[in-house]
């Protein structure tokens, strides 16, 4: 039962880690969506500035928008990589949970078989005791 409690504790910890990773994954997806929207806005600004005549202010704004676009693209790439890593980590935890569950099921099966075997042995011993008592009584 001590081993059983340890396995339950490990399963609980791994489940918490998986839930944490899923939450982080969701938050990163929302961040990515937000960054994609900002990127789209920056691209729209770039198009607007590109269509205007080349005044100095418009060129400066265009340059700023291009820099912001590059920055946003870098952030998206970083978030995408982080998301990929989190998904891989989550998959590892899920696999470990499956392995732990399999081990747990095997252990339960073994204990069930042992209990069944012990019950059969008990019945045999009880029958032997009764037979021996009958022999003693007869003697």
N, C-alpha and C. Protein backbone atom coordinates (compact mmCIF):
# COMPACT_ATOMS: atom_id res chain seq x y z
N UNK A 1 0.83 -1.20 0.00
CA UNK A 1 0.00 0.00 0.00
C UNK A 1 0.86 1.25 0.00
N UNK A 2 2.07 1.14 0.61
CA UNK A 2 2.99 2.27 0.57
C UNK A 2 3.37 2.59 -0.86
N UNK A 3 3.68 1.55 -1.64
CA UNK A 3 4.01 1.72 -3.05
C UNK A 3 2.81 2.32 -3.79
N UNK A 4 1.64 1.87 -3.44
CA UNK A 4 0.42 2.37 -4.06
C UNK A 4 0.25 3.86 -3.79
N UNK A 5 0.49 4.27 -2.55
CA UNK A 5 0.37 5.68 -2.20
C UNK A 5 1.42 6.51 -2.93
N UNK A 6 2.62 5.97 -3.07
CA UNK A 6 3.67 6.70 -3.79
C UNK A 6 3.30 6.88 -5.25
N UNK A 7 2.75 5.84 -5.85
CA UNK A 7 2.34 5.93 -7.26
C UNK A 7 1.20 6.92 -7.40
N UNK A 8 0.25 6.88 -6.45
CA UNK A 8 -0.86 7.85 -6.50
C UNK A 8 -0.32 9.27 -6.39
N UNK A 9 0.64 9.48 -5.50
CA UNK A 9 1.23 10.80 -5.33
C UNK A 9 1.93 11.25 -6.61
N UNK A 10 2.70 10.33 -7.23
CA UNK A 10 3.38 10.67 -8.48
C UNK A 10 2.38 11.00 -9.56
N UNK A 11 1.32 10.21 -9.65
CA UNK A 11 0.27 10.48 -10.65
C UNK A 11 -0.35 11.84 -10.42
N UNK A 12 -0.60 12.16 -9.16
CA UNK A 12 -1.20 13.45 -8.83
C UNK A 12 -0.27 14.59 -9.23
N UNK A 13 1.03 14.45 -8.92
CA UNK A 13 1.99 15.49 -9.27
C UNK A 13 2.09 15.66 -10.78
N UNK A 14 2.14 14.55 -11.50
CA UNK A 14 2.23 14.62 -12.96
C UNK A 14 0.96 15.23 -13.56
N UNK A 15 -0.19 14.90 -12.98
CA UNK A 15 -1.44 15.49 -13.46
C UNK A 15 -1.44 17.00 -13.26
N UNK A 16 -0.94 17.44 -12.10
CA UNK A 16 -0.86 18.88 -11.85
C UNK A 16 0.07 19.55 -12.85
N UNK A 17 1.20 18.90 -13.16
CA UNK A 17 2.13 19.48 -14.14
C UNK A 17 1.48 19.57 -15.51
N UNK A 18 0.73 18.54 -15.89
CA UNK A 18 0.05 18.55 -17.19
C UNK A 18 -0.97 19.69 -17.23
N UNK A 19 -1.74 19.84 -16.14
CA UNK A 19 -2.73 20.93 -16.11
C UNK A 19 -2.04 22.28 -16.18
N UNK A 20 -0.91 22.41 -15.49
CA UNK A 20 -0.16 23.67 -15.52
C UNK A 20 0.33 23.96 -16.95
N UNK A 21 0.85 22.92 -17.61
CA UNK A 21 1.34 23.10 -18.98
C UNK A 21 0.21 23.45 -19.93
N UNK A 22 -0.95 22.84 -19.73
CA UNK A 22 -2.10 23.14 -20.58
C UNK A 22 -2.50 24.60 -20.39
N UNK A 23 -2.47 25.07 -19.13
CA UNK A 23 -2.81 26.48 -18.85
C UNK A 23 -1.80 27.41 -19.52
N UNK A 24 -0.51 27.09 -19.38
CA UNK A 24 0.51 27.91 -20.02
C UNK A 24 0.34 27.90 -21.53
N UNK A 25 0.03 26.73 -22.07
CA UNK A 25 -0.19 26.57 -23.50
C UNK A 25 -1.32 27.49 -23.96
N UNK A 26 -2.43 27.49 -23.22
CA UNK A 26 -3.57 28.34 -23.58
C UNK A 26 -3.20 29.81 -23.51
N UNK A 27 -2.46 30.18 -22.46
CA UNK A 27 -2.06 31.58 -22.32
C UNK A 27 -1.15 31.99 -23.47
N UNK A 28 -0.24 31.11 -23.85
CA UNK A 28 0.67 31.44 -24.96
C UNK A 28 -0.09 31.54 -26.27
N UNK A 29 -1.10 30.70 -26.45
CA UNK A 29 -1.90 30.79 -27.67
C UNK A 29 -2.61 32.14 -27.73
N UNK A 30 -3.14 32.58 -26.59
CA UNK A 30 -3.80 33.89 -26.55
C UNK A 30 -2.79 35.00 -26.84
N UNK A 31 -1.60 34.89 -26.27
CA UNK A 31 -0.55 35.88 -26.55
C UNK A 31 -0.21 35.89 -28.04
N UNK A 32 -0.11 34.70 -28.63
CA UNK A 32 0.21 34.62 -30.06
C UNK A 32 -0.89 35.27 -30.89
N UNK A 33 -2.15 35.01 -30.53
CA UNK A 33 -3.25 35.62 -31.27
C UNK A 33 -3.18 37.14 -31.16
N UNK A 34 -2.87 37.62 -29.96
CA UNK A 34 -2.75 39.07 -29.76
C UNK A 34 -1.61 39.63 -30.61
N UNK A 35 -0.48 38.93 -30.62
CA UNK A 35 0.65 39.39 -31.42
C UNK A 35 0.34 39.34 -32.91
N UNK A 36 -0.41 38.32 -33.34
CA UNK A 36 -0.80 38.25 -34.74
C UNK A 36 -1.68 39.46 -35.10
N UNK A 37 -2.59 39.82 -34.19
CA UNK A 37 -3.44 40.98 -34.44
C UNK A 37 -2.60 42.25 -34.53
N UNK A 38 -1.63 42.38 -33.62
CA UNK A 38 -0.76 43.56 -33.67
C UNK A 38 0.04 43.59 -34.96
N UNK A 39 0.49 42.40 -35.38
CA UNK A 39 1.25 42.31 -36.62
C UNK A 39 0.39 42.73 -37.80
N UNK A 40 -0.86 42.28 -37.82
CA UNK A 40 -1.77 42.67 -38.89
C UNK A 40 -1.98 44.19 -38.89
N UNK A 41 -2.11 44.76 -37.69
CA UNK A 41 -2.28 46.21 -37.59
C UNK A 41 -1.03 46.92 -38.11
N UNK A 42 0.14 46.40 -37.75
CA UNK A 42 1.39 47.01 -38.22
C UNK A 42 1.49 46.93 -39.73
N UNK A 43 1.09 45.78 -40.30
CA UNK A 43 1.12 45.64 -41.75
C UNK A 43 0.15 46.60 -42.43
N UNK A 44 -1.03 46.79 -41.81
CA UNK A 44 -1.98 47.77 -42.35
C UNK A 44 -1.39 49.18 -42.31
N UNK A 45 -0.72 49.50 -41.19
CA UNK A 45 -0.10 50.82 -41.09
C UNK A 45 0.98 50.98 -42.14
N UNK A 46 1.75 49.92 -42.37
CA UNK A 46 2.81 49.97 -43.38
C UNK A 46 2.20 50.22 -44.75
N UNK A 47 1.11 49.53 -45.06
CA UNK A 47 0.45 49.73 -46.35
C UNK A 47 -0.06 51.16 -46.48
N UNK A 48 -0.64 51.68 -45.40
CA UNK A 48 -1.15 53.04 -45.45
C UNK A 48 -0.02 54.04 -45.68
N UNK A 49 1.08 53.84 -44.94
CA UNK A 49 2.20 54.76 -45.07
C UNK A 49 2.88 54.62 -46.43
N UNK A 50 2.91 53.41 -46.95
CA UNK A 50 3.52 53.18 -48.25
C UNK A 50 2.73 53.87 -49.35
N UNK A 51 1.42 53.95 -49.19
CA UNK A 51 0.56 54.56 -50.19
C UNK A 51 0.63 56.08 -50.16
N UNK A 52 1.06 56.66 -49.04
CA UNK A 52 1.14 58.12 -48.93
C UNK A 52 2.39 58.63 -49.65
N UNK A 53 2.34 59.87 -50.00
CA UNK A 53 3.51 60.49 -50.64
C UNK A 53 4.65 60.52 -49.64
N UNK A 54 5.89 60.51 -50.13
CA UNK A 54 7.06 60.32 -49.29
C UNK A 54 7.45 61.52 -48.45
N UNK A 55 6.64 61.96 -47.55
CA UNK A 55 7.06 63.03 -46.64
C UNK A 55 7.98 62.43 -45.58
N UNK A 56 8.75 63.25 -44.93
CA UNK A 56 9.72 62.80 -43.95
C UNK A 56 9.04 62.10 -42.78
N UNK A 57 7.93 62.65 -42.29
CA UNK A 57 7.21 62.04 -41.17
C UNK A 57 6.66 60.67 -41.56
N UNK A 58 6.13 60.57 -42.74
CA UNK A 58 5.57 59.29 -43.19
C UNK A 58 6.68 58.23 -43.29
N UNK A 59 7.85 58.66 -43.79
CA UNK A 59 8.96 57.71 -43.88
C UNK A 59 9.42 57.25 -42.50
N UNK A 60 9.45 58.19 -41.56
CA UNK A 60 9.83 57.82 -40.21
C UNK A 60 8.80 56.86 -39.61
N UNK A 61 7.54 57.15 -39.83
CA UNK A 61 6.48 56.28 -39.32
C UNK A 61 6.55 54.91 -39.99
N UNK A 62 6.85 54.90 -41.27
CA UNK A 62 6.99 53.64 -41.99
C UNK A 62 8.13 52.82 -41.39
N UNK A 63 9.26 53.49 -41.14
CA UNK A 63 10.42 52.81 -40.55
C UNK A 63 10.06 52.24 -39.18
N UNK A 64 9.35 53.02 -38.38
CA UNK A 64 8.94 52.55 -37.04
C UNK A 64 8.00 51.35 -37.16
N UNK A 65 7.09 51.43 -38.10
CA UNK A 65 6.14 50.33 -38.30
C UNK A 65 6.88 49.07 -38.75
N UNK A 66 7.88 49.23 -39.64
CA UNK A 66 8.66 48.08 -40.08
C UNK A 66 9.44 47.46 -38.92
N UNK A 67 9.99 48.31 -38.06
CA UNK A 67 10.72 47.81 -36.89
C UNK A 67 9.77 47.07 -35.93
N UNK A 68 8.59 47.66 -35.75
CA UNK A 68 7.60 47.00 -34.88
C UNK A 68 7.18 45.66 -35.47
N UNK A 69 7.00 45.62 -36.79
CA UNK A 69 6.64 44.37 -37.45
C UNK A 69 7.73 43.32 -37.22
N UNK A 70 8.98 43.71 -37.38
CA UNK A 70 10.10 42.77 -37.18
C UNK A 70 10.12 42.29 -35.73
N UNK A 71 9.89 43.20 -34.81
CA UNK A 71 9.87 42.84 -33.39
C UNK A 71 8.73 41.86 -33.10
N UNK A 72 7.57 42.14 -33.65
CA UNK A 72 6.42 41.26 -33.44
C UNK A 72 6.65 39.88 -34.05
N UNK A 73 7.27 39.86 -35.23
CA UNK A 73 7.56 38.58 -35.86
C UNK A 73 8.55 37.77 -35.01
N UNK A 74 9.52 38.45 -34.40
CA UNK A 74 10.47 37.77 -33.52
C UNK A 74 9.74 37.21 -32.29
N UNK A 75 8.86 38.01 -31.72
CA UNK A 75 8.10 37.55 -30.55
C UNK A 75 7.23 36.34 -30.92
N UNK A 76 6.61 36.40 -32.08
CA UNK A 76 5.78 35.27 -32.53
C UNK A 76 6.63 34.02 -32.68
N UNK A 77 7.81 34.17 -33.26
CA UNK A 77 8.70 33.01 -33.43
C UNK A 77 9.11 32.45 -32.07
N UNK A 78 9.42 33.33 -31.13
CA UNK A 78 9.80 32.87 -29.80
C UNK A 78 8.64 32.16 -29.11
N UNK A 79 7.46 32.75 -29.20
CA UNK A 79 6.29 32.13 -28.59
C UNK A 79 5.95 30.80 -29.25
N UNK A 80 6.12 30.72 -30.56
CA UNK A 80 5.87 29.47 -31.26
C UNK A 80 6.81 28.38 -30.78
N UNK A 81 8.07 28.74 -30.60
CA UNK A 81 9.07 27.78 -30.11
C UNK A 81 8.73 27.35 -28.68
N UNK A 82 8.37 28.32 -27.85
CA UNK A 82 7.99 28.00 -26.47
C UNK A 82 6.77 27.09 -26.45
N UNK A 83 5.82 27.38 -27.31
CA UNK A 83 4.61 26.57 -27.40
C UNK A 83 4.96 25.15 -27.83
N UNK A 84 5.84 25.02 -28.80
CA UNK A 84 6.27 23.69 -29.25
C UNK A 84 6.94 22.93 -28.12
N UNK A 85 7.79 23.61 -27.37
CA UNK A 85 8.47 22.96 -26.25
C UNK A 85 7.48 22.53 -25.17
N UNK A 86 6.52 23.41 -24.88
CA UNK A 86 5.51 23.08 -23.87
C UNK A 86 4.67 21.88 -24.32
N UNK A 87 4.34 21.84 -25.59
CA UNK A 87 3.56 20.71 -26.09
C UNK A 87 4.36 19.42 -26.00
N UNK A 88 5.65 19.49 -26.32
CA UNK A 88 6.50 18.30 -26.21
C UNK A 88 6.60 17.85 -24.76
N UNK A 89 6.76 18.82 -23.87
CA UNK A 89 6.85 18.50 -22.44
C UNK A 89 5.54 17.89 -21.95
N UNK A 90 4.42 18.48 -22.39
CA UNK A 90 3.12 17.95 -22.01
C UNK A 90 2.96 16.52 -22.51
N UNK A 91 3.39 16.28 -23.74
CA UNK A 91 3.29 14.93 -24.30
C UNK A 91 4.13 13.94 -23.50
N UNK A 92 5.30 14.39 -23.03
CA UNK A 92 6.14 13.52 -22.20
C UNK A 92 5.45 13.19 -20.89
N UNK A 93 4.84 14.21 -20.27
CA UNK A 93 4.12 13.97 -19.02
C UNK A 93 2.94 13.03 -19.22
N UNK A 94 2.23 13.21 -20.32
CA UNK A 94 1.10 12.34 -20.61
C UNK A 94 1.58 10.91 -20.79
N UNK A 95 2.69 10.74 -21.51
CA UNK A 95 3.25 9.40 -21.72
C UNK A 95 3.67 8.78 -20.38
N UNK A 96 4.29 9.60 -19.54
CA UNK A 96 4.71 9.09 -18.24
C UNK A 96 3.50 8.70 -17.40
N UNK A 97 2.44 9.50 -17.47
CA UNK A 97 1.21 9.15 -16.75
C UNK A 97 0.64 7.83 -17.25
N UNK A 98 0.68 7.61 -18.56
CA UNK A 98 0.19 6.36 -19.12
C UNK A 98 1.01 5.18 -18.61
N UNK A 99 2.35 5.37 -18.57
CA UNK A 99 3.21 4.31 -18.08
C UNK A 99 2.93 4.02 -16.61
N UNK A 100 2.78 5.09 -15.82
CA UNK A 100 2.48 4.92 -14.39
C UNK A 100 1.13 4.21 -14.21
N UNK A 101 0.18 4.57 -15.02
CA UNK A 101 -1.14 3.94 -14.93
C UNK A 101 -1.05 2.46 -15.28
N UNK A 102 -0.27 2.13 -16.28
CA UNK A 102 -0.08 0.74 -16.67
C UNK A 102 0.57 -0.05 -15.54
N UNK A 103 1.61 0.53 -14.94
CA UNK A 103 2.28 -0.12 -13.82
C UNK A 103 1.29 -0.32 -12.67
N UNK A 104 0.52 0.71 -12.40
CA UNK A 104 -0.48 0.64 -11.33
C UNK A 104 -1.50 -0.47 -11.61
N UNK A 105 -1.97 -0.55 -12.83
CA UNK A 105 -2.95 -1.59 -13.19
C UNK A 105 -2.34 -2.98 -13.05
N UNK A 106 -1.09 -3.14 -13.46
CA UNK A 106 -0.43 -4.43 -13.32
C UNK A 106 -0.30 -4.80 -11.85
N UNK A 107 0.05 -3.83 -11.03
CA UNK A 107 0.20 -4.08 -9.59
C UNK A 107 -1.14 -4.47 -8.98
N UNK A 108 -2.20 -3.79 -9.34
CA UNK A 108 -3.53 -4.12 -8.84
C UNK A 108 -3.92 -5.53 -9.28
N UNK A 109 -3.60 -5.86 -10.53
CA UNK A 109 -3.90 -7.20 -11.04
C UNK A 109 -3.14 -8.25 -10.24
N UNK A 110 -1.86 -8.00 -9.97
CA UNK A 110 -1.05 -8.94 -9.19
C UNK A 110 -1.62 -9.12 -7.79
N UNK A 111 -1.97 -8.01 -7.16
CA UNK A 111 -2.52 -8.09 -5.81
C UNK A 111 -3.86 -8.82 -5.80
N UNK A 112 -4.65 -8.61 -6.82
CA UNK A 112 -5.94 -9.30 -6.93
C UNK A 112 -5.72 -10.80 -7.08
N UNK A 113 -4.76 -11.16 -7.93
CA UNK A 113 -4.46 -12.58 -8.12
C UNK A 113 -3.91 -13.20 -6.83
N UNK A 114 -3.07 -12.47 -6.12
CA UNK A 114 -2.54 -12.97 -4.85
C UNK A 114 -3.66 -13.17 -3.84
N UNK A 115 -4.58 -12.22 -3.78
CA UNK A 115 -5.70 -12.33 -2.84
C UNK A 115 -6.55 -13.56 -3.19
N UNK A 116 -6.77 -13.76 -4.48
CA UNK A 116 -7.56 -14.91 -4.93
C UNK A 116 -6.85 -16.22 -4.56
N UNK A 117 -5.55 -16.27 -4.83
CA UNK A 117 -4.75 -17.46 -4.51
C UNK A 117 -4.78 -17.73 -3.01
N UNK A 118 -4.63 -16.69 -2.21
CA UNK A 118 -4.64 -16.85 -0.75
C UNK A 118 -6.00 -17.34 -0.26
N UNK A 119 -7.07 -16.85 -0.88
CA UNK A 119 -8.41 -17.31 -0.50
C UNK A 119 -8.57 -18.79 -0.82
N UNK A 120 -8.07 -19.21 -1.99
CA UNK A 120 -8.15 -20.64 -2.35
C UNK A 120 -7.33 -21.48 -1.38
N UNK A 121 -6.13 -21.01 -1.03
CA UNK A 121 -5.28 -21.74 -0.09
C UNK A 121 -5.96 -21.84 1.27
N UNK A 122 -6.60 -20.76 1.68
CA UNK A 122 -7.32 -20.75 2.97
C UNK A 122 -8.40 -21.81 2.96
N UNK A 123 -9.15 -21.89 1.87
CA UNK A 123 -10.20 -22.90 1.76
C UNK A 123 -9.62 -24.31 1.84
N UNK A 124 -8.50 -24.56 1.15
CA UNK A 124 -7.84 -25.86 1.19
C UNK A 124 -7.39 -26.19 2.61
N UNK A 125 -6.79 -25.20 3.28
CA UNK A 125 -6.31 -25.42 4.64
C UNK A 125 -7.48 -25.69 5.59
N UNK A 126 -8.57 -24.96 5.39
CA UNK A 126 -9.76 -25.18 6.23
C UNK A 126 -10.29 -26.61 6.02
N UNK A 127 -10.29 -27.04 4.76
CA UNK A 127 -10.77 -28.39 4.47
C UNK A 127 -9.82 -29.41 5.12
N UNK A 128 -8.52 -29.18 5.06
CA UNK A 128 -7.55 -30.09 5.68
C UNK A 128 -7.73 -30.12 7.19
N UNK A 129 -7.96 -28.94 7.78
CA UNK A 129 -8.17 -28.87 9.23
C UNK A 129 -9.40 -29.68 9.62
N UNK A 130 -10.47 -29.51 8.85
CA UNK A 130 -11.70 -30.26 9.15
C UNK A 130 -11.47 -31.76 9.01
N UNK A 131 -10.72 -32.12 7.98
CA UNK A 131 -10.42 -33.54 7.76
C UNK A 131 -9.57 -34.08 8.91
N UNK A 132 -8.56 -33.30 9.31
CA UNK A 132 -7.71 -33.71 10.43
C UNK A 132 -8.50 -33.79 11.74
N UNK A 133 -9.38 -32.81 11.94
CA UNK A 133 -10.21 -32.85 13.16
C UNK A 133 -11.10 -34.09 13.15
N UNK A 134 -11.63 -34.40 11.96
CA UNK A 134 -12.49 -35.60 11.86
C UNK A 134 -11.66 -36.84 12.15
N UNK A 135 -10.42 -36.89 11.66
CA UNK A 135 -9.52 -38.03 11.90
C UNK A 135 -9.20 -38.14 13.38
N UNK A 136 -8.93 -36.98 14.02
CA UNK A 136 -8.62 -36.97 15.45
C UNK A 136 -9.83 -37.46 16.25
N UNK A 137 -11.00 -36.99 15.87
CA UNK A 137 -12.22 -37.41 16.55
C UNK A 137 -12.41 -38.91 16.36
N UNK A 138 -12.17 -39.41 15.19
CA UNK A 138 -12.33 -40.83 14.89
C UNK A 138 -11.32 -41.66 15.69
N UNK A 139 -10.09 -41.13 15.80
CA UNK A 139 -9.07 -41.84 16.57
C UNK A 139 -9.40 -41.82 18.05
